[in-house]
Amino acid sequence: TKKFSGNQMLLAKLEYHFTYFPFIEPTFLFCDAAVIGNKFIYNDPVISYGLGFTLAESLVSFNDSEVFPLHAHIILYRTMESNDGNWGIEFITD
């Protein structure tokens, strides 16, 4: 969106990685803070936080004849400055 545009960005990330489930590669909690724009305004950062995990590579079959490997990243996040503060989800495959 235009609110998050410009030619400069300063980003700080904090992540905590841990393993909880055997079929999920390391899970992580994160918090990001960024200042974005053509001129930095340090007292108005964009902050997001959430949970992410990677599904370990496994075979997926939609019918008996098709089997393929799946390696996917799923990130649940919340950013108060956009999307009316609602939670979002990203699904990324390799």
Protein backbone atom coordinates (compact mmCIF):
# COMPACT_ATOMS: atom_id res chain seq x y z
CA THR A 1 0.00 0.00 0.00
CA LYS A 2 1.07 3.60 -0.30
CA LYS A 3 1.40 3.81 3.47
CA PHE A 4 4.28 1.32 3.28
CA SER A 5 6.14 2.72 0.28
CA GLY A 6 9.26 4.77 -0.23
CA ASN A 7 12.90 4.42 -1.19
CA GLN A 8 14.28 3.80 2.32
CA MET A 9 13.67 1.12 4.94
CA LEU A 10 15.14 0.35 8.34
CA LEU A 11 14.16 -3.07 9.73
CA ALA A 12 14.73 -4.78 13.08
CA LYS A 13 13.82 -8.46 13.51
CA LEU A 14 13.61 -10.60 16.60
CA GLU A 15 13.01 -14.36 16.23
CA TYR A 16 12.93 -17.28 18.64
CA HIS A 17 13.26 -20.72 16.98
CA PHE A 18 12.26 -23.97 18.68
CA THR A 19 11.20 -27.52 17.74
CA TYR A 20 7.87 -28.71 19.10
CA PHE A 21 6.37 -31.22 16.64
CA PRO A 22 8.37 -33.97 14.86
CA PHE A 23 6.76 -33.36 11.42
CA ILE A 24 7.27 -29.61 11.57
CA GLU A 25 10.76 -28.21 11.17
CA PRO A 26 11.75 -25.47 13.61
CA THR A 27 8.84 -23.25 14.61
CA PHE A 28 9.52 -19.60 15.30
CA LEU A 29 7.95 -16.64 17.02
CA PHE A 30 8.83 -13.26 15.57
CA CYS A 31 8.45 -9.53 15.99
CA ASP A 32 9.46 -7.07 13.26
CA ALA A 33 9.67 -3.30 13.47
CA ALA A 34 10.30 -1.17 10.37
CA VAL A 35 10.48 2.45 9.37
CA ILE A 36 9.60 2.86 5.69
CA GLY A 37 9.40 5.94 3.50
CA ASN A 38 11.30 8.62 1.65
CA LYS A 39 12.24 10.22 4.98
CA PHE A 40 12.42 8.24 8.22
CA ILE A 41 9.93 9.13 10.92
CA TYR A 42 11.25 7.11 13.85
CA ASN A 43 8.27 7.64 16.15
CA ASP A 44 5.85 5.84 13.76
CA PRO A 45 7.28 2.34 13.07
CA VAL A 46 5.34 -0.46 11.38
CA ILE A 47 5.25 -3.42 13.79
CA SER A 48 4.22 -6.99 13.03
CA TYR A 49 4.42 -10.20 15.02
CA GLY A 50 3.37 -13.80 14.70
CA LEU A 51 4.23 -17.46 14.37
CA GLY A 52 5.87 -19.33 11.51
CA PHE A 53 6.75 -22.92 10.73
CA THR A 54 8.00 -25.10 7.91
CA LEU A 55 6.35 -28.38 7.03
CA ALA A 56 9.05 -31.02 6.59
CA GLU A 57 9.40 -32.41 3.11
CA SER A 58 6.85 -35.17 2.71
CA LEU A 59 4.98 -36.94 -0.06
CA VAL A 60 1.51 -35.68 -0.87
CA SER A 61 -0.97 -37.62 -2.99
CA PHE A 62 -4.22 -36.22 -4.41
CA ASN A 63 -5.04 -39.55 -6.02
CA ASP A 64 -3.32 -42.92 -6.28
CA SER A 65 -1.28 -41.97 -9.35
CA GLU A 66 0.14 -38.55 -8.36
CA VAL A 67 2.73 -38.32 -5.59
CA PHE A 68 5.02 -35.32 -5.17
CA PRO A 69 7.22 -33.80 -2.46
CA LEU A 70 5.89 -30.84 -0.49
CA HIS A 71 8.05 -28.35 1.39
CA ALA A 72 5.96 -25.43 2.64
CA HIS A 73 6.37 -22.45 4.92
CA ILE A 74 3.35 -21.09 6.79
CA ILE A 75 3.43 -17.74 8.57
CA LEU A 76 0.61 -16.33 10.71
CA TYR A 77 1.12 -12.60 11.30
CA ARG A 78 -0.58 -9.50 12.60
CA THR A 79 0.20 -5.89 11.72
CA MET A 80 -1.79 -3.25 13.54
CA GLU A 81 -1.09 -0.59 10.90
CA SER A 82 -2.77 -2.51 8.05
CA ASN A 83 -5.67 -4.87 7.44
CA ASP A 84 -7.56 -3.29 10.34
CA GLY A 85 -5.39 -5.22 12.81
CA ASN A 86 -6.66 -8.60 11.55
CA TRP A 87 -4.47 -11.70 11.36
CA GLY A 88 -3.00 -12.69 8.00
CA ILE A 89 -1.52 -15.91 6.65
CA GLU A 90 1.23 -16.57 4.11
CA PHE A 91 1.68 -19.95 2.47
CA ILE A 92 4.99 -20.35 0.59
CA THR A 93 6.13 -23.45 -1.28
CA ASP A 94 9.59 -24.23 -2.60
